[in-house]
Amino acid sequence: MAGITITVAQQKGGSGKTTVAVNLAVHLRDLGHRVAVLDTDPQGSLGRWFMTRMEATGGEPGLEFSTASAWGVGYECGKLRRENDFVLVDTPPKADSDLRPALREADLVIVPVSASQLDLWATEAVLELVERTRKPALTVLNRARAGTRLSVGMLEDLQSLDAPVAGTVLGNRVIFAEALGQGYGVSERQRSGPAAREIAALWDEIEAIVSR
């Protein structure tokens, strides 16, 4: 049985795409799944994280890694799905032809949205592309400060867009950046911490969608 592909997409840079992809991948590995990560972003942040992880783990990353440009995404996803339970795809920060191949391969598109009006506007363009591919999407409020008027307002605004909104909100926590820079996920650094619990809760929501 072929694996499930989860594509993480957002037009605006700095939304936390790589952070979300990395932490979901590590969480799935912790659950005992075979997991691959695919970097389709020319900036290569996911690739840099993986090479840091290779060094930090003594060459035992516990995940498969690959890269692909737009024209090769379909082939690479197909190959990775045959050997893994899940493929997490990190995408370029733009809503154009470079993003479409990764959307077409997705069983679910995760759209992280940082708590800013600019991110909300960028999300509309991404969701329009997702709708054309007829793939399901889930928006996730990321880097939010709990209880602030901005975060509450963003969640209300996300409800008006044409995609479900995750009940889980990812907080603006230093551990996300620290773990990423060391080649790890937050569950490997603070297993019982709030960031790890947020990723686990987000996965529970995603699993309910992709297992239908």
N, C-alpha and C. Protein backbone atom coordinates (compact mmCIF):
# COMPACT_ATOMS: atom_id res chain seq x y z
N MET A 1 0.85 -1.20 0.00
CA MET A 1 0.00 0.00 0.00
C MET A 1 0.88 1.25 0.00
N ALA A 2 0.57 2.20 -0.90
CA ALA A 2 1.39 3.40 -1.02
C ALA A 2 1.20 4.31 0.18
N GLY A 3 2.26 5.05 0.50
CA GLY A 3 2.20 5.96 1.63
C GLY A 3 1.34 7.18 1.36
N ILE A 4 1.16 7.97 2.38
CA ILE A 4 0.34 9.18 2.33
C ILE A 4 1.25 10.39 2.18
N THR A 5 0.88 11.30 1.27
CA THR A 5 1.66 12.52 1.05
C THR A 5 0.97 13.72 1.68
N ILE A 6 1.71 14.43 2.51
CA ILE A 6 1.22 15.65 3.14
C ILE A 6 2.10 16.80 2.66
N THR A 7 1.51 17.72 1.94
CA THR A 7 2.23 18.87 1.42
C THR A 7 2.00 20.08 2.30
N VAL A 8 3.07 20.77 2.66
CA VAL A 8 2.97 21.98 3.48
C VAL A 8 3.23 23.18 2.56
N ALA A 9 2.26 24.06 2.45
CA ALA A 9 2.35 25.14 1.45
C ALA A 9 1.89 26.47 2.03
N GLN A 10 2.54 27.53 1.58
CA GLN A 10 2.14 28.90 1.93
C GLN A 10 2.88 29.84 1.00
N GLN A 11 2.17 30.85 0.50
CA GLN A 11 2.79 31.79 -0.43
C GLN A 11 3.81 32.68 0.25
N LYS A 12 3.52 33.10 1.46
CA LYS A 12 4.39 34.06 2.14
C LYS A 12 5.52 33.35 2.87
N GLY A 13 6.74 33.81 2.68
CA GLY A 13 7.87 33.27 3.42
C GLY A 13 7.76 33.61 4.90
N GLY A 14 8.38 32.79 5.74
CA GLY A 14 8.38 33.04 7.16
C GLY A 14 7.14 32.55 7.88
N SER A 15 6.34 31.75 7.21
CA SER A 15 5.10 31.26 7.83
C SER A 15 5.34 30.03 8.70
N GLY A 16 6.53 29.42 8.57
CA GLY A 16 6.83 28.24 9.37
C GLY A 16 6.59 26.93 8.66
N LYS A 17 6.62 26.94 7.32
CA LYS A 17 6.38 25.71 6.56
C LYS A 17 7.36 24.61 6.94
N THR A 18 8.64 24.92 6.92
CA THR A 18 9.65 23.91 7.21
C THR A 18 9.53 23.41 8.64
N THR A 19 9.26 24.30 9.57
CA THR A 19 9.10 23.91 10.97
C THR A 19 7.95 22.92 11.14
N VAL A 20 6.84 23.20 10.48
CA VAL A 20 5.69 22.30 10.57
C VAL A 20 6.00 20.95 9.94
N ALA A 21 6.62 20.97 8.75
CA ALA A 21 6.94 19.72 8.05
C ALA A 21 7.90 18.86 8.87
N VAL A 22 8.94 19.49 9.39
CA VAL A 22 9.94 18.77 10.18
C VAL A 22 9.32 18.14 11.42
N ASN A 23 8.55 18.90 12.14
CA ASN A 23 8.02 18.40 13.41
C ASN A 23 6.95 17.33 13.23
N LEU A 24 6.16 17.44 12.18
CA LEU A 24 5.23 16.36 11.87
C LEU A 24 5.98 15.10 11.48
N ALA A 25 7.04 15.25 10.68
CA ALA A 25 7.84 14.09 10.26
C ALA A 25 8.46 13.38 11.46
N VAL A 26 9.05 14.14 12.36
CA VAL A 26 9.69 13.55 13.54
C VAL A 26 8.65 12.90 14.44
N HIS A 27 7.50 13.54 14.59
CA HIS A 27 6.44 12.96 15.41
C HIS A 27 5.98 11.62 14.82
N LEU A 28 5.80 11.56 13.52
CA LEU A 28 5.38 10.32 12.87
C LEU A 28 6.44 9.23 13.03
N ARG A 29 7.70 9.63 12.94
CA ARG A 29 8.78 8.66 13.18
C ARG A 29 8.71 8.15 14.61
N ASP A 30 8.47 9.04 15.56
CA ASP A 30 8.35 8.62 16.96
C ASP A 30 7.22 7.62 17.17
N LEU A 31 6.20 7.72 16.32
CA LEU A 31 5.07 6.79 16.42
C LEU A 31 5.36 5.44 15.76
N GLY A 32 6.54 5.33 15.15
CA GLY A 32 6.95 4.06 14.55
C GLY A 32 6.71 3.96 13.06
N HIS A 33 6.37 5.06 12.41
CA HIS A 33 6.13 5.04 10.96
C HIS A 33 7.43 5.23 10.18
N ARG A 34 7.44 4.74 8.96
CA ARG A 34 8.52 5.04 8.02
C ARG A 34 8.18 6.36 7.35
N VAL A 35 9.12 7.31 7.42
CA VAL A 35 8.81 8.68 7.02
C VAL A 35 9.90 9.22 6.09
N ALA A 36 9.47 9.93 5.05
CA ALA A 36 10.40 10.63 4.16
C ALA A 36 10.03 12.11 4.12
N VAL A 37 11.03 12.96 3.94
CA VAL A 37 10.80 14.39 3.75
C VAL A 37 11.35 14.77 2.38
N LEU A 38 10.60 15.61 1.67
CA LEU A 38 10.97 16.01 0.32
C LEU A 38 11.03 17.53 0.24
N ASP A 39 12.18 18.05 -0.14
CA ASP A 39 12.38 19.50 -0.22
C ASP A 39 12.24 19.95 -1.67
N THR A 40 11.20 20.74 -1.96
CA THR A 40 11.02 21.28 -3.31
C THR A 40 11.25 22.79 -3.35
N ASP A 41 11.72 23.34 -2.24
CA ASP A 41 11.98 24.78 -2.13
C ASP A 41 13.45 25.04 -2.49
N PRO A 42 13.73 25.86 -3.53
CA PRO A 42 15.12 26.15 -3.89
C PRO A 42 15.95 26.73 -2.75
N GLN A 43 15.29 27.35 -1.78
CA GLN A 43 16.02 27.89 -0.63
C GLN A 43 16.70 26.78 0.17
N GLY A 44 16.12 25.59 0.16
CA GLY A 44 16.77 24.41 0.74
C GLY A 44 16.80 24.35 2.25
N SER A 45 15.88 24.99 2.94
CA SER A 45 15.90 24.97 4.41
C SER A 45 15.72 23.55 4.96
N LEU A 46 14.83 22.79 4.36
CA LEU A 46 14.61 21.42 4.82
C LEU A 46 15.87 20.57 4.62
N GLY A 47 16.54 20.78 3.50
CA GLY A 47 17.79 20.05 3.24
C GLY A 47 18.87 20.40 4.24
N ARG A 48 18.97 21.68 4.60
CA ARG A 48 19.96 22.08 5.60
C ARG A 48 19.64 21.46 6.95
N TRP A 49 18.35 21.42 7.30
CA TRP A 49 17.96 20.76 8.55
C TRP A 49 18.36 19.29 8.52
N PHE A 50 18.12 18.63 7.41
CA PHE A 50 18.42 17.20 7.34
C PHE A 50 19.92 16.93 7.45
N MET A 51 20.73 17.74 6.80
CA MET A 51 22.18 17.54 6.88
C MET A 51 22.68 17.81 8.31
N THR A 52 22.09 18.80 8.98
CA THR A 52 22.41 19.05 10.39
C THR A 52 22.02 17.84 11.23
N ARG A 53 20.87 17.25 10.90
CA ARG A 53 20.41 16.07 11.62
C ARG A 53 21.35 14.87 11.38
N MET A 54 21.80 14.73 10.16
CA MET A 54 22.74 13.65 9.85
C MET A 54 23.97 13.73 10.76
N GLU A 55 24.51 14.92 10.90
CA GLU A 55 25.69 15.11 11.73
C GLU A 55 25.36 14.90 13.21
N ALA A 56 24.22 15.42 13.65
CA ALA A 56 23.85 15.33 15.06
C ALA A 56 23.56 13.90 15.50
N THR A 57 23.08 13.07 14.57
CA THR A 57 22.70 11.69 14.91
C THR A 57 23.76 10.67 14.49
N GLY A 58 24.93 11.16 14.09
CA GLY A 58 25.98 10.23 13.67
C GLY A 58 25.60 9.42 12.45
N GLY A 59 24.87 10.06 11.52
CA GLY A 59 24.49 9.39 10.29
C GLY A 59 23.29 8.48 10.41
N GLU A 60 22.53 8.62 11.49
CA GLU A 60 21.33 7.79 11.71
C GLU A 60 20.11 8.71 11.86
N PRO A 61 19.69 9.36 10.78
CA PRO A 61 18.62 10.35 10.90
C PRO A 61 17.24 9.77 11.19
N GLY A 62 17.03 8.52 10.83
CA GLY A 62 15.73 7.90 11.07
C GLY A 62 14.66 8.32 10.09
N LEU A 63 15.03 9.10 9.08
CA LEU A 63 14.11 9.58 8.07
C LEU A 63 14.79 9.50 6.71
N GLU A 64 14.01 9.34 5.66
CA GLU A 64 14.56 9.42 4.31
C GLU A 64 14.40 10.84 3.80
N PHE A 65 15.38 11.31 3.02
CA PHE A 65 15.34 12.67 2.50
C PHE A 65 15.59 12.68 1.01
N SER A 66 14.89 13.59 0.32
CA SER A 66 15.13 13.78 -1.10
C SER A 66 14.79 15.21 -1.48
N THR A 67 15.24 15.61 -2.66
CA THR A 67 14.90 16.92 -3.21
C THR A 67 14.32 16.73 -4.61
N ALA A 68 13.59 17.72 -5.07
CA ALA A 68 13.06 17.68 -6.43
C ALA A 68 12.69 19.10 -6.85
N SER A 69 12.90 19.40 -8.12
CA SER A 69 12.39 20.64 -8.68
C SER A 69 10.97 20.37 -9.17
N ALA A 70 10.31 21.40 -9.65
CA ALA A 70 8.88 21.28 -9.98
C ALA A 70 8.57 20.09 -10.88
N TRP A 71 9.35 19.92 -11.94
CA TRP A 71 9.03 18.86 -12.91
C TRP A 71 9.28 17.46 -12.35
N GLY A 72 10.09 17.35 -11.30
CA GLY A 72 10.41 16.03 -10.77
C GLY A 72 9.64 15.64 -9.52
N VAL A 73 8.73 16.49 -9.06
CA VAL A 73 8.04 16.24 -7.80
C VAL A 73 7.18 14.98 -7.88
N GLY A 74 6.45 14.82 -8.95
CA GLY A 74 5.58 13.66 -9.08
C GLY A 74 6.35 12.36 -9.05
N TYR A 75 7.45 12.30 -9.79
CA TYR A 75 8.26 11.09 -9.81
C TYR A 75 8.85 10.79 -8.43
N GLU A 76 9.38 11.83 -7.78
CA GLU A 76 10.04 11.63 -6.48
C GLU A 76 9.03 11.23 -5.42
N CYS A 77 7.86 11.85 -5.44
CA CYS A 77 6.83 11.48 -4.46
C CYS A 77 6.41 10.03 -4.65
N GLY A 78 6.24 9.63 -5.90
CA GLY A 78 5.85 8.24 -6.16
C GLY A 78 6.87 7.26 -5.64
N LYS A 79 8.13 7.56 -5.85
CA LYS A 79 9.21 6.68 -5.39
C LYS A 79 9.23 6.61 -3.86
N LEU A 80 9.10 7.75 -3.20
CA LEU A 80 9.15 7.78 -1.74
C LEU A 80 7.93 7.10 -1.11
N ARG A 81 6.77 7.25 -1.75
CA ARG A 81 5.56 6.61 -1.22
C ARG A 81 5.65 5.09 -1.22
N ARG A 82 6.38 4.54 -2.16
CA ARG A 82 6.49 3.08 -2.23
C ARG A 82 7.28 2.51 -1.07
N GLU A 83 8.14 3.33 -0.46
CA GLU A 83 9.02 2.83 0.61
C GLU A 83 8.68 3.38 1.99
N ASN A 84 7.73 4.31 2.05
CA ASN A 84 7.44 4.98 3.33
C ASN A 84 5.94 5.07 3.58
N ASP A 85 5.61 5.17 4.86
CA ASP A 85 4.20 5.34 5.24
C ASP A 85 3.72 6.76 5.00
N PHE A 86 4.63 7.73 5.17
CA PHE A 86 4.28 9.13 5.00
C PHE A 86 5.40 9.87 4.29
N VAL A 87 5.00 10.80 3.42
CA VAL A 87 5.95 11.71 2.76
C VAL A 87 5.51 13.13 3.08
N LEU A 88 6.40 13.90 3.70
CA LEU A 88 6.14 15.31 4.02
C LEU A 88 6.87 16.18 3.01
N VAL A 89 6.13 17.04 2.32
CA VAL A 89 6.71 17.86 1.24
C VAL A 89 6.74 19.33 1.66
N ASP A 90 7.94 19.91 1.64
CA ASP A 90 8.11 21.34 1.89
C ASP A 90 8.17 22.04 0.54
N THR A 91 7.51 23.19 0.39
CA THR A 91 7.32 23.81 -0.91
C THR A 91 7.88 25.23 -0.97
N PRO A 92 8.04 25.77 -2.19
CA PRO A 92 8.52 27.16 -2.33
C PRO A 92 7.50 28.15 -1.79
N PRO A 93 7.97 29.31 -1.29
CA PRO A 93 7.05 30.32 -0.77
C PRO A 93 6.47 31.18 -1.89
N LYS A 94 5.72 30.55 -2.78
CA LYS A 94 5.06 31.30 -3.86
C LYS A 94 3.93 30.44 -4.41
N ALA A 95 2.91 31.10 -4.89
CA ALA A 95 1.74 30.39 -5.40
C ALA A 95 1.74 30.46 -6.93
N ASP A 96 2.50 29.58 -7.56
CA ASP A 96 2.56 29.57 -9.02
C ASP A 96 2.83 28.15 -9.50
N SER A 97 3.36 28.03 -10.71
CA SER A 97 3.55 26.71 -11.31
C SER A 97 4.53 25.84 -10.53
N ASP A 98 5.46 26.43 -9.78
CA ASP A 98 6.41 25.64 -9.00
C ASP A 98 5.72 24.90 -7.86
N LEU A 99 4.60 25.42 -7.40
CA LEU A 99 3.88 24.81 -6.28
C LEU A 99 2.89 23.75 -6.73
N ARG A 100 2.33 23.90 -7.91
CA ARG A 100 1.23 23.02 -8.34
C ARG A 100 1.57 21.54 -8.34
N PRO A 101 2.77 21.11 -8.79
CA PRO A 101 3.06 19.67 -8.76
C PRO A 101 2.98 19.07 -7.36
N ALA A 102 3.45 19.81 -6.36
CA ALA A 102 3.40 19.30 -4.98
C ALA A 102 1.96 19.25 -4.47
N LEU A 103 1.13 20.17 -4.92
CA LEU A 103 -0.28 20.14 -4.53
C LEU A 103 -0.99 18.95 -5.16
N ARG A 104 -0.67 18.67 -6.41
CA ARG A 104 -1.32 17.55 -7.10
C ARG A 104 -0.99 16.22 -6.44
N GLU A 105 0.19 16.10 -5.84
CA GLU A 105 0.61 14.84 -5.21
C GLU A 105 0.04 14.65 -3.81
N ALA A 106 -0.55 15.70 -3.26
CA ALA A 106 -0.93 15.69 -1.84
C ALA A 106 -2.21 14.91 -1.58
N ASP A 107 -2.21 14.18 -0.49
CA ASP A 107 -3.45 13.64 0.06
C ASP A 107 -4.09 14.69 0.97
N LEU A 108 -3.26 15.59 1.49
CA LEU A 108 -3.73 16.70 2.30
C LEU A 108 -2.71 17.83 2.21
N VAL A 109 -3.21 19.06 2.10
CA VAL A 109 -2.35 20.24 2.08
C VAL A 109 -2.49 20.98 3.41
N ILE A 110 -1.38 21.14 4.11
CA ILE A 110 -1.35 21.91 5.35
C ILE A 110 -0.89 23.33 5.03
N VAL A 111 -1.65 24.32 5.46
CA VAL A 111 -1.31 25.71 5.18
C VAL A 111 -1.08 26.44 6.50
N PRO A 112 0.18 26.58 6.92
CA PRO A 112 0.46 27.33 8.16
C PRO A 112 0.28 28.83 7.93
N VAL A 113 -0.30 29.48 8.91
CA VAL A 113 -0.58 30.91 8.79
C VAL A 113 -0.07 31.60 10.04
N SER A 114 0.97 32.42 9.90
CA SER A 114 1.45 33.19 11.05
C SER A 114 0.44 34.27 11.40
N ALA A 115 0.50 34.71 12.63
CA ALA A 115 -0.50 35.66 13.13
C ALA A 115 -0.21 37.07 12.62
N SER A 116 -0.53 37.29 11.33
CA SER A 116 -0.41 38.62 10.75
C SER A 116 -1.39 38.74 9.58
N GLN A 117 -1.82 39.95 9.31
CA GLN A 117 -2.77 40.17 8.22
C GLN A 117 -2.14 39.81 6.87
N LEU A 118 -0.83 40.06 6.71
CA LEU A 118 -0.16 39.72 5.46
C LEU A 118 -0.24 38.23 5.18
N ASP A 119 -0.06 37.42 6.22
CA ASP A 119 -0.16 35.97 6.04
C ASP A 119 -1.57 35.55 5.66
N LEU A 120 -2.54 36.22 6.24
CA LEU A 120 -3.93 35.90 5.92
C LEU A 120 -4.21 36.17 4.44
N TRP A 121 -3.75 37.30 3.94
CA TRP A 121 -3.95 37.62 2.53
C TRP A 121 -3.24 36.60 1.63
N ALA A 122 -2.03 36.22 2.00
CA ALA A 122 -1.29 35.24 1.20
C ALA A 122 -1.99 33.89 1.17
N THR A 123 -2.64 33.55 2.27
CA THR A 123 -3.33 32.26 2.37
C THR A 123 -4.45 32.14 1.36
N GLU A 124 -5.12 33.24 1.06
CA GLU A 124 -6.21 33.20 0.09
C GLU A 124 -5.72 32.72 -1.27
N ALA A 125 -4.53 33.18 -1.70
CA ALA A 125 -3.99 32.77 -3.00
C ALA A 125 -3.64 31.29 -3.02
N VAL A 126 -3.07 30.80 -1.93
CA VAL A 126 -2.72 29.39 -1.84
C VAL A 126 -3.97 28.51 -1.89
N LEU A 127 -4.99 28.90 -1.16
CA LEU A 127 -6.21 28.10 -1.12
C LEU A 127 -6.91 28.08 -2.47
N GLU A 128 -6.77 29.15 -3.25
CA GLU A 128 -7.33 29.15 -4.60
C GLU A 128 -6.65 28.08 -5.46
N LEU A 129 -5.33 27.97 -5.34
CA LEU A 129 -4.60 26.94 -6.07
C LEU A 129 -4.99 25.54 -5.60
N VAL A 130 -5.10 25.38 -4.29
CA VAL A 130 -5.48 24.08 -3.75
C VAL A 130 -6.86 23.67 -4.26
N GLU A 131 -7.77 24.63 -4.31
CA GLU A 131 -9.13 24.33 -4.77
C GLU A 131 -9.12 23.83 -6.21
N ARG A 132 -8.23 24.39 -7.04
CA ARG A 132 -8.16 23.96 -8.44
C ARG A 132 -7.69 22.52 -8.56
N THR A 133 -6.86 22.08 -7.63
CA THR A 133 -6.39 20.69 -7.66
C THR A 133 -7.37 19.73 -7.00
N ARG A 134 -8.41 20.27 -6.37
CA ARG A 134 -9.44 19.47 -5.70
C ARG A 134 -8.86 18.59 -4.59
N LYS A 135 -7.88 19.15 -3.90
CA LYS A 135 -7.28 18.46 -2.77
C LYS A 135 -7.79 19.07 -1.46
N PRO A 136 -7.92 18.27 -0.41
CA PRO A 136 -8.34 18.83 0.87
C PRO A 136 -7.22 19.66 1.50
N ALA A 137 -7.59 20.69 2.22
CA ALA A 137 -6.61 21.55 2.89
C ALA A 137 -7.01 21.77 4.34
N LEU A 138 -6.01 22.09 5.15
CA LEU A 138 -6.23 22.42 6.55
C LEU A 138 -5.34 23.60 6.89
N THR A 139 -5.93 24.72 7.32
CA THR A 139 -5.13 25.86 7.73
C THR A 139 -4.79 25.72 9.21
N VAL A 140 -3.59 26.19 9.58
CA VAL A 140 -3.10 26.05 10.95
C VAL A 140 -2.51 27.39 11.39
N LEU A 141 -3.05 27.96 12.44
CA LEU A 141 -2.48 29.19 12.99
C LEU A 141 -1.16 28.85 13.67
N ASN A 142 -0.10 29.53 13.25
CA ASN A 142 1.26 29.21 13.71
C ASN A 142 1.91 30.46 14.30
N ARG A 143 2.85 30.22 15.22
CA ARG A 143 3.59 31.30 15.86
C ARG A 143 2.65 32.30 16.53
N ALA A 144 1.66 31.76 17.18
CA ALA A 144 0.64 32.60 17.82
C ALA A 144 0.95 32.81 19.29
N ARG A 145 0.53 33.94 19.82
CA ARG A 145 0.64 34.22 21.25
C ARG A 145 -0.74 34.01 21.86
N ALA A 146 -0.82 33.02 22.73
CA ALA A 146 -2.12 32.60 23.28
C ALA A 146 -2.84 33.76 23.96
N GLY A 147 -4.12 33.87 23.68
CA GLY A 147 -4.96 34.83 24.38
C GLY A 147 -4.89 36.25 23.89
N THR A 148 -4.03 36.55 22.90
CA THR A 148 -3.94 37.92 22.41
C THR A 148 -5.10 38.21 21.46
N ARG A 149 -5.44 39.47 21.35
CA ARG A 149 -6.52 39.85 20.45
C ARG A 149 -6.17 39.52 19.01
N LEU A 150 -4.87 39.64 18.66
CA LEU A 150 -4.46 39.33 17.29
C LEU A 150 -4.72 37.86 16.97
N SER A 151 -4.32 36.96 17.86
CA SER A 151 -4.51 35.54 17.62
C SER A 151 -5.99 35.17 17.55
N VAL A 152 -6.77 35.72 18.46
CA VAL A 152 -8.21 35.45 18.44
C VAL A 152 -8.83 35.96 17.15
N GLY A 153 -8.43 37.17 16.74
CA GLY A 153 -8.95 37.75 15.51
C GLY A 153 -8.54 36.96 14.28
N MET A 154 -7.29 36.45 14.27
CA MET A 154 -6.82 35.65 13.15
C MET A 154 -7.64 34.37 13.01
N LEU A 155 -7.91 33.71 14.12
CA LEU A 155 -8.72 32.49 14.06
C LEU A 155 -10.10 32.78 13.51
N GLU A 156 -10.68 33.91 13.90
CA GLU A 156 -12.00 34.28 13.37
C GLU A 156 -11.91 34.55 11.87
N ASP A 157 -10.86 35.23 11.44
CA ASP A 157 -10.70 35.53 10.01
C ASP A 157 -10.45 34.26 9.20
N LEU A 158 -9.69 33.32 9.75
CA LEU A 158 -9.42 32.06 9.04
C LEU A 158 -10.71 31.29 8.80
N GLN A 159 -11.66 31.41 9.73
CA GLN A 159 -12.92 30.70 9.58
C GLN A 159 -13.68 31.17 8.34
N SER A 160 -13.37 32.38 7.88
CA SER A 160 -14.09 32.91 6.71
C SER A 160 -13.50 32.41 5.40
N LEU A 161 -12.33 31.78 5.44
CA LEU A 161 -11.70 31.27 4.22
C LEU A 161 -12.27 29.91 3.85
N ASP A 162 -12.00 29.51 2.61
CA ASP A 162 -12.61 28.29 2.07
C ASP A 162 -11.75 27.06 2.39
N ALA A 163 -11.53 26.82 3.67
CA ALA A 163 -10.80 25.62 4.11
C ALA A 163 -11.02 25.45 5.61
N PRO A 164 -11.03 24.22 6.09
CA PRO A 164 -11.15 24.00 7.53
C PRO A 164 -9.96 24.61 8.28
N VAL A 165 -10.19 24.96 9.52
CA VAL A 165 -9.15 25.52 10.39
C VAL A 165 -8.86 24.51 11.50
N ALA A 166 -7.59 24.21 11.72
CA ALA A 166 -7.24 23.29 12.79
C ALA A 166 -7.61 23.89 14.14
N GLY A 167 -8.12 23.04 15.02
CA GLY A 167 -8.38 23.49 16.38
C GLY A 167 -7.10 23.71 17.15
N THR A 168 -6.04 23.02 16.75
CA THR A 168 -4.74 23.19 17.39
C THR A 168 -4.06 24.45 16.90
N VAL A 169 -3.56 25.24 17.82
CA VAL A 169 -2.77 26.44 17.49
C VAL A 169 -1.34 26.20 17.93
N LEU A 170 -0.39 26.45 17.02
CA LEU A 170 1.03 26.29 17.35
C LEU A 170 1.55 27.61 17.92
N GLY A 171 2.10 27.55 19.12
CA GLY A 171 2.53 28.75 19.81
C GLY A 171 3.84 29.32 19.28
N ASN A 172 4.09 30.57 19.62
CA ASN A 172 5.33 31.24 19.26
C ASN A 172 6.38 30.88 20.32
N ARG A 173 6.98 29.69 20.16
CA ARG A 173 7.86 29.12 21.18
C ARG A 173 9.29 29.02 20.67
N VAL A 174 10.24 29.42 21.50
CA VAL A 174 11.66 29.40 21.13
C VAL A 174 12.13 27.99 20.79
N ILE A 175 11.57 26.98 21.45
CA ILE A 175 12.03 25.61 21.25
C ILE A 175 11.85 25.15 19.81
N PHE A 176 10.88 25.67 19.09
CA PHE A 176 10.70 25.30 17.69
C PHE A 176 11.95 25.68 16.88
N ALA A 177 12.43 26.90 17.06
CA ALA A 177 13.61 27.35 16.33
C ALA A 177 14.87 26.66 16.83
N GLU A 178 14.99 26.48 18.13
CA GLU A 178 16.18 25.84 18.70
C GLU A 178 16.33 24.40 18.21
N ALA A 179 15.26 23.63 18.29
CA ALA A 179 15.32 22.23 17.86
C ALA A 179 15.62 22.14 16.37
N LEU A 180 14.99 22.99 15.57
CA LEU A 180 15.23 22.97 14.12
C LEU A 180 16.70 23.22 13.81
N GLY A 181 17.29 24.21 14.47
CA GLY A 181 18.69 24.55 14.23
C GLY A 181 19.66 23.47 14.63
N GLN A 182 19.22 22.56 15.51
CA GLN A 182 20.08 21.46 15.97
C GLN A 182 19.84 20.17 15.19
N GLY A 183 18.88 20.21 14.24
CA GLY A 183 18.59 19.02 13.45
C GLY A 183 17.57 18.09 14.09
N TYR A 184 16.78 18.60 15.00
CA TYR A 184 15.81 17.77 15.71
C TYR A 184 14.40 18.34 15.57
N GLY A 185 13.43 17.57 16.06
CA GLY A 185 12.08 18.06 16.25
C GLY A 185 11.87 18.36 17.71
N VAL A 186 10.80 19.10 18.03
CA VAL A 186 10.59 19.49 19.42
C VAL A 186 10.33 18.28 20.32
N SER A 187 9.75 17.22 19.77
CA SER A 187 9.47 16.04 20.60
C SER A 187 10.75 15.32 21.01
N GLU A 188 11.85 15.60 20.32
CA GLU A 188 13.13 15.00 20.68
C GLU A 188 13.90 15.86 21.67
N ARG A 189 13.44 17.06 21.88
CA ARG A 189 14.13 17.96 22.78
C ARG A 189 13.35 18.20 24.07
N GLN A 190 12.04 18.32 23.96
CA GLN A 190 11.18 18.50 25.14
C GLN A 190 9.94 17.63 24.94
N ARG A 191 10.12 16.33 25.16
CA ARG A 191 9.08 15.36 24.81
C ARG A 191 7.75 15.65 25.47
N SER A 192 7.78 16.14 26.70
CA SER A 192 6.53 16.41 27.41
C SER A 192 6.21 17.91 27.45
N GLY A 193 6.93 18.70 26.67
CA GLY A 193 6.72 20.15 26.67
C GLY A 193 5.50 20.55 25.86
N PRO A 194 5.09 21.81 26.00
CA PRO A 194 3.90 22.28 25.30
C PRO A 194 4.02 22.24 23.77
N ALA A 195 5.21 22.50 23.23
CA ALA A 195 5.38 22.47 21.78
C ALA A 195 5.15 21.05 21.24
N ALA A 196 5.72 20.06 21.93
CA ALA A 196 5.53 18.67 21.50
C ALA A 196 4.06 18.27 21.61
N ARG A 197 3.38 18.75 22.63
CA ARG A 197 1.96 18.43 22.78
C ARG A 197 1.14 19.07 21.66
N GLU A 198 1.53 20.27 21.24
CA GLU A 198 0.82 20.92 20.14
C GLU A 198 0.98 20.14 18.84
N ILE A 199 2.20 19.68 18.56
CA ILE A 199 2.43 18.90 17.34
C ILE A 199 1.65 17.59 17.39
N ALA A 200 1.62 16.94 18.54
CA ALA A 200 0.87 15.70 18.68
C ALA A 200 -0.63 15.95 18.46
N ALA A 201 -1.14 17.04 19.01
CA ALA A 201 -2.55 17.36 18.84
C ALA A 201 -2.87 17.69 17.38
N LEU A 202 -1.96 18.41 16.72
CA LEU A 202 -2.16 18.71 15.30
C LEU A 202 -2.19 17.43 14.48
N TRP A 203 -1.28 16.50 14.79
CA TRP A 203 -1.28 15.24 14.07
C TRP A 203 -2.59 14.49 14.26
N ASP A 204 -3.14 14.51 15.45
CA ASP A 204 -4.41 13.83 15.69
C ASP A 204 -5.49 14.37 14.76
N GLU A 205 -5.49 15.68 14.55
CA GLU A 205 -6.46 16.28 13.63
C GLU A 205 -6.19 15.86 12.19
N ILE A 206 -4.91 15.86 11.81
CA ILE A 206 -4.55 15.47 10.44
C ILE A 206 -4.90 14.01 10.19
N GLU A 207 -4.60 13.17 11.15
CA GLU A 207 -4.86 11.74 11.00
C GLU A 207 -6.35 11.49 10.77
N ALA A 208 -7.19 12.23 11.46
CA ALA A 208 -8.64 12.05 11.29
C ALA A 208 -9.07 12.38 9.85
N ILE A 209 -8.33 13.25 9.17
CA ILE A 209 -8.66 13.62 7.79
C ILE A 209 -8.11 12.59 6.80
N VAL A 210 -6.82 12.25 6.94
CA VAL A 210 -6.19 11.38 5.93
C VAL A 210 -6.60 9.92 6.07
N SER A 211 -7.17 9.54 7.21
CA SER A 211 -7.57 8.14 7.40
C SER A 211 -9.02 7.88 7.00
N ARG A 212 -9.71 8.90 6.49
CA ARG A 212 -11.11 8.71 6.09
C ARG A 212 -11.21 7.78 4.89
